[in-house]
Amino acid sequence: MTTSNPALMGTAGGTFLSVLPNLHSEDVLRTVLLAGIGAIVSFGISMALKFIIKKYQK
């Protein structure tokens, strides 16, 4: 089954334009802030686990 590219792009564009008026700047800011915190915590946990594994393998 094949999908034509113009139909796919039209659907994606329509979806984006229908969601755009419902986004508020507070929501976007909150999402960016939470994503940043999540990335920092994930990196910290990864580094801590790497350190612990390396310590116990010696």
Protein backbone atom coordinates (compact mmCIF):
# COMPACT_ATOMS: atom_id res chain seq x y z
CA MET A 1 0.00 0.00 0.00
CA THR A 2 1.48 3.35 -0.98
CA THR A 3 0.58 6.80 0.28
CA SER A 4 1.07 9.84 -1.87
CA ASN A 5 3.42 12.42 -0.44
CA PRO A 6 1.16 15.45 -1.06
CA ALA A 7 -1.70 13.80 0.86
CA LEU A 8 0.60 12.98 3.75
CA MET A 9 2.02 16.50 3.84
CA GLY A 10 -1.47 17.99 3.66
CA THR A 11 -2.66 15.86 6.56
CA ALA A 12 0.40 16.74 8.67
CA GLY A 13 0.07 20.45 7.84
CA GLY A 14 -3.64 20.48 8.63
CA THR A 15 -3.08 18.73 11.94
CA PHE A 16 -0.32 21.20 12.88
CA LEU A 17 -2.43 24.22 11.94
CA SER A 18 -5.42 22.93 13.89
CA VAL A 19 -3.32 22.39 17.04
CA LEU A 20 -1.41 25.67 16.78
CA PRO A 21 -4.19 28.00 18.08
CA ASN A 22 -4.64 25.81 21.17
CA LEU A 23 -1.01 26.11 22.29
CA HIS A 24 -0.29 28.71 24.93
CA SER A 25 3.14 30.15 25.63
CA GLU A 26 2.97 28.90 29.23
CA ASP A 27 2.44 25.34 28.00
CA VAL A 28 5.38 25.55 25.61
CA LEU A 29 7.63 27.05 28.28
CA ARG A 30 6.60 24.38 30.80
CA THR A 31 7.26 21.62 28.26
CA VAL A 32 10.71 22.97 27.41
CA LEU A 33 11.56 23.35 31.10
CA LEU A 34 10.42 19.83 31.98
CA ALA A 35 12.27 18.37 28.97
CA GLY A 36 15.46 20.11 30.08
CA ILE A 37 15.12 18.87 33.66
CA GLY A 38 14.41 15.36 32.39
CA ALA A 39 17.49 15.41 30.16
CA ILE A 40 19.72 16.61 33.01
CA VAL A 41 18.37 13.98 35.41
CA SER A 42 18.71 11.24 32.80
CA PHE A 43 22.31 12.24 32.07
CA GLY A 44 23.14 12.35 35.80
CA ILE A 45 21.66 8.91 36.45
CA SER A 46 23.48 7.47 33.43
CA MET A 47 26.79 8.86 34.64
CA ALA A 48 26.20 7.64 38.20
CA LEU A 49 25.33 4.13 37.01
CA LYS A 50 28.37 4.08 34.73
CA PHE A 51 30.56 5.09 37.68
CA ILE A 52 29.03 2.44 39.97
CA ILE A 53 29.37 -0.33 37.38
CA LYS A 54 32.97 0.62 36.62
CA LYS A 55 33.78 0.70 40.37
CA TYR A 56 32.44 -2.80 41.03
CA GLN A 57 33.97 -4.40 37.93
CA LYS A 58 37.54 -3.81 39.17
